[in-house]
Amino acid sequence: MSNDQHTVLRSMHDLGLATWFGGNLMGAVGLNKAAAAAKDSTERTRLSSIGWGAWGPVQGAAIAAHLIGSVGMLRADRGRVATESGATLNTVVKSVITVAAIGTSVASGAFGAKIGSKSVSGTVPSATATEPSAATPDDVATAQKAQKPLQWVNPALTAVLIVLAAQQGEQQRTASTVRGAVGAGLTSLKAAVLKAA
């Protein structure tokens, strides 16, 4: 694989993951808080649902880009991943957490869609975007209670993925440094042997 192809794959991996993490964190911290500030309690879930609905396709594209980049990089680095124990463990853990993050993103989207479908008319009162009030219908309240922890689980899982990706980058850099030092040592040894002969 050429360096240009590897750069494209790494960029897809990193930009997809950064977008996935950042969008979820901003939504939990900013969008839901802004929606909760609506003076009319029937507007809170509706406004939040509009924002999350707009985010959904972007998040889907970010996840797809991240997965394409991840699979491409894994193929490019398969020799190192198969032979270095730290790289193998990191890849397995990263794969499991990626699947979990996709699962929580899908679940969060499903709960959000349920809340949004009921809130579109603007007649569902709520304490905040993710907390029901006493007047919130039971089905929306159930979805909100499930959504509340997921809004933090998604950025937490994707933050772990960012740390694991950084660790993988360091593993590659260390391996390249070692190979470079060994190669320089062998070149020096060869030059010394040739000079002595």
Protein backbone atom coordinates (compact mmCIF):
# COMPACT_ATOMS: atom_id res chain seq x y z
CA MET A 1 0.00 0.00 0.00
CA SER A 2 1.38 3.43 -0.91
CA ASN A 3 1.94 6.15 1.68
CA ASP A 4 -0.77 8.24 -0.03
CA GLN A 5 -3.35 5.46 0.39
CA HIS A 6 -2.31 4.96 4.00
CA THR A 7 -2.67 8.71 4.65
CA VAL A 8 -6.19 8.69 3.18
CA LEU A 9 -7.19 5.70 5.33
CA ARG A 10 -5.68 7.18 8.49
CA SER A 11 -7.43 10.49 7.75
CA MET A 12 -10.79 8.73 7.30
CA HIS A 13 -10.20 6.84 10.56
CA ASP A 14 -9.23 9.95 12.52
CA LEU A 15 -11.69 12.46 11.04
CA GLY A 16 -14.57 10.01 11.31
CA LEU A 17 -13.75 9.27 14.94
CA ALA A 18 -13.21 12.94 15.82
CA THR A 19 -16.55 13.89 14.27
CA TRP A 20 -18.34 11.01 16.01
CA PHE A 21 -16.87 11.96 19.40
CA GLY A 22 -17.19 15.73 19.05
CA GLY A 23 -20.74 15.73 17.77
CA ASN A 24 -22.00 13.48 20.55
CA LEU A 25 -20.20 15.50 23.21
CA MET A 26 -21.48 18.81 21.87
CA GLY A 27 -25.00 17.41 21.69
CA ALA A 28 -24.94 16.22 25.29
CA VAL A 29 -23.27 19.35 26.64
CA GLY A 30 -24.66 22.07 24.39
CA LEU A 31 -27.72 21.03 22.41
CA ASN A 32 -29.58 19.29 25.23
CA LYS A 33 -28.78 22.14 27.64
CA ALA A 34 -29.98 24.74 25.14
CA ALA A 35 -33.21 22.81 24.54
CA ALA A 36 -33.75 22.50 28.30
CA ALA A 37 -33.65 26.31 28.54
CA ALA A 38 -36.80 26.65 26.41
CA LYS A 39 -39.40 28.49 28.49
CA ASP A 40 -42.24 26.38 27.10
CA SER A 41 -41.85 22.85 28.54
CA THR A 42 -43.52 21.38 25.42
CA GLU A 43 -40.69 22.76 23.24
CA ARG A 44 -37.78 21.05 25.06
CA THR A 45 -37.91 17.61 23.50
CA ARG A 46 -39.02 19.00 20.13
CA LEU A 47 -36.04 21.36 19.85
CA SER A 48 -33.59 18.73 21.02
CA SER A 49 -35.04 16.22 18.56
CA ILE A 50 -34.61 18.67 15.67
CA GLY A 51 -30.92 19.08 16.49
CA TRP A 52 -30.25 15.37 17.01
CA GLY A 53 -32.21 14.57 13.84
CA ALA A 54 -29.93 16.88 11.86
CA TRP A 55 -26.88 15.25 13.48
CA GLY A 56 -27.96 11.67 12.64
CA PRO A 57 -26.84 11.56 8.98
CA VAL A 58 -23.56 13.30 9.81
CA GLN A 59 -22.91 10.80 12.58
CA GLY A 60 -23.70 7.93 10.21
CA ALA A 61 -21.21 9.26 7.67
CA ALA A 62 -18.59 9.76 10.39
CA ILE A 63 -19.01 6.19 11.63
CA ALA A 64 -18.79 4.86 8.06
CA ALA A 65 -15.62 6.88 7.36
CA HIS A 66 -14.09 5.67 10.62
CA LEU A 67 -14.89 2.04 9.82
CA ILE A 68 -13.53 2.24 6.26
CA GLY A 69 -10.35 3.85 7.56
CA SER A 70 -10.05 1.30 10.39
CA VAL A 71 -10.45 -1.73 8.13
CA GLY A 72 -8.03 -0.28 5.56
CA MET A 73 -5.41 0.47 8.20
CA LEU A 74 -5.83 -2.98 9.72
CA ARG A 75 -5.21 -4.55 6.32
CA ALA A 76 -2.15 -2.35 5.78
CA ASP A 77 -0.75 -3.13 9.25
CA ARG A 78 -1.86 -6.76 9.50
CA GLY A 79 1.70 -8.09 9.71
CA ARG A 80 2.57 -5.87 12.66
CA VAL A 81 -0.77 -6.48 14.35
CA ALA A 82 -0.32 -10.26 14.03
CA THR A 83 3.22 -10.33 15.41
CA GLU A 84 3.32 -7.65 18.11
CA SER A 85 1.43 -8.64 21.26
CA GLY A 86 0.69 -5.04 22.27
CA ALA A 87 -0.66 -4.27 18.80
CA THR A 88 -2.81 -7.40 18.78
CA LEU A 89 -4.35 -6.65 22.18
CA ASN A 90 -4.93 -2.99 21.30
CA THR A 91 -6.65 -3.96 18.05
CA VAL A 92 -8.94 -6.48 19.76
CA VAL A 93 -9.91 -4.04 22.53
CA LYS A 94 -10.42 -1.24 20.00
CA SER A 95 -12.64 -3.48 17.86
CA VAL A 96 -14.82 -4.48 20.84
CA ILE A 97 -15.21 -0.85 21.95
CA THR A 98 -16.01 0.22 18.36
CA VAL A 99 -18.83 -2.33 18.21
CA ALA A 100 -20.10 -1.14 21.61
CA ALA A 101 -19.97 2.51 20.50
CA ILE A 102 -21.90 1.69 17.33
CA GLY A 103 -24.45 -0.19 19.42
CA THR A 104 -24.94 2.69 21.85
CA SER A 105 -25.15 5.17 18.97
CA VAL A 106 -27.86 3.09 17.29
CA ALA A 107 -29.76 2.65 20.58
CA SER A 108 -29.49 6.37 21.32
CA GLY A 109 -30.76 7.16 17.84
CA ALA A 110 -33.71 4.79 18.27
CA PHE A 111 -34.70 6.34 21.61
CA GLY A 112 -34.23 9.80 20.16
CA ALA A 113 -36.44 8.95 17.19
CA LYS A 114 -39.16 7.75 19.55
CA ILE A 115 -38.94 10.96 21.57
CA GLY A 116 -38.85 13.04 18.36
CA SER A 117 -41.86 11.34 16.78
CA LYS A 118 -43.98 12.11 19.82
CA SER A 119 -42.59 15.64 20.22
CA VAL A 120 -43.02 16.85 16.64
CA SER A 121 -46.41 18.31 17.46
CA GLY A 122 -44.88 20.32 20.31
CA THR A 123 -47.38 19.00 22.85
CA VAL A 124 -45.09 16.80 24.98
CA PRO A 125 -44.13 18.56 28.21
CA SER A 126 -40.75 17.67 29.68
CA ALA A 127 -38.37 18.86 32.42
CA THR A 128 -35.35 18.75 30.05
CA ALA A 129 -34.46 17.05 26.77
CA THR A 130 -33.57 13.85 28.65
CA GLU A 131 -35.62 14.16 31.86
CA PRO A 132 -39.37 13.72 31.90
CA SER A 133 -41.72 15.80 33.98
CA ALA A 134 -44.79 14.50 35.80
CA ALA A 135 -46.85 15.40 32.70
CA THR A 136 -44.61 13.58 30.17
CA PRO A 137 -46.37 10.61 28.51
CA ASP A 138 -45.08 7.25 29.78
CA ASP A 139 -43.60 6.07 26.46
CA VAL A 140 -41.63 9.31 26.01
CA ALA A 141 -40.56 9.27 29.66
CA THR A 142 -39.23 5.72 29.25
CA ALA A 143 -37.25 6.72 26.16
CA GLN A 144 -35.88 9.80 27.92
CA LYS A 145 -34.74 7.74 30.92
CA ALA A 146 -32.90 5.38 28.56
CA GLN A 147 -31.47 8.28 26.56
CA LYS A 148 -30.08 10.16 29.57
CA PRO A 149 -27.11 7.83 30.29
CA LEU A 150 -26.52 7.08 26.59
CA GLN A 151 -25.82 10.75 25.88
CA TRP A 152 -22.66 10.31 28.03
CA VAL A 153 -21.80 6.72 27.11
CA ASN A 154 -21.33 7.56 23.41
CA PRO A 155 -18.68 10.29 23.91
CA ALA A 156 -17.01 8.21 26.65
CA LEU A 157 -16.61 5.18 24.36
CA THR A 158 -15.40 7.24 21.42
CA ALA A 159 -12.93 9.06 23.72
CA VAL A 160 -11.49 5.65 24.66
CA LEU A 161 -11.19 4.87 20.93
CA ILE A 162 -9.21 8.09 20.43
CA VAL A 163 -6.81 7.10 23.22
CA LEU A 164 -6.40 3.59 21.78
CA ALA A 165 -5.73 5.06 18.32
CA ALA A 166 -3.05 7.30 19.82
CA GLN A 167 -1.53 4.24 21.50
CA GLN A 168 -1.49 2.41 18.16
CA GLY A 169 0.26 5.37 16.57
CA GLU A 170 2.92 5.27 19.28
CA GLN A 171 3.35 1.52 18.78
CA GLN A 172 3.98 2.09 15.08
CA ARG A 173 6.39 4.94 15.75
CA THR A 174 8.35 2.86 18.27
CA ALA A 175 8.50 -0.08 15.87
CA SER A 176 9.76 2.21 13.08
CA THR A 177 12.38 3.71 15.40
CA VAL A 178 13.62 0.27 16.43
CA ARG A 179 13.74 -0.89 12.81
CA GLY A 180 15.57 2.30 11.88
CA ALA A 181 18.11 1.88 14.66
CA VAL A 182 18.69 -1.79 13.77
CA GLY A 183 19.03 -0.88 10.10
CA ALA A 184 21.52 1.92 10.90
CA GLY A 185 23.48 -0.46 13.12
CA LEU A 186 23.66 -3.10 10.40
CA THR A 187 24.72 -0.50 7.83
CA SER A 188 27.50 0.70 10.15
CA LEU A 189 28.59 -2.88 10.82
CA LYS A 190 28.70 -3.62 7.09
CA ALA A 191 30.77 -0.48 6.44
CA ALA A 192 33.21 -1.43 9.22
CA VAL A 193 33.58 -4.97 7.84
CA LEU A 194 34.16 -3.68 4.31
CA LYS A 195 36.70 -1.15 5.56
CA ALA A 196 38.60 -3.82 7.50
CA ALA A 197 38.66 -6.16 4.51
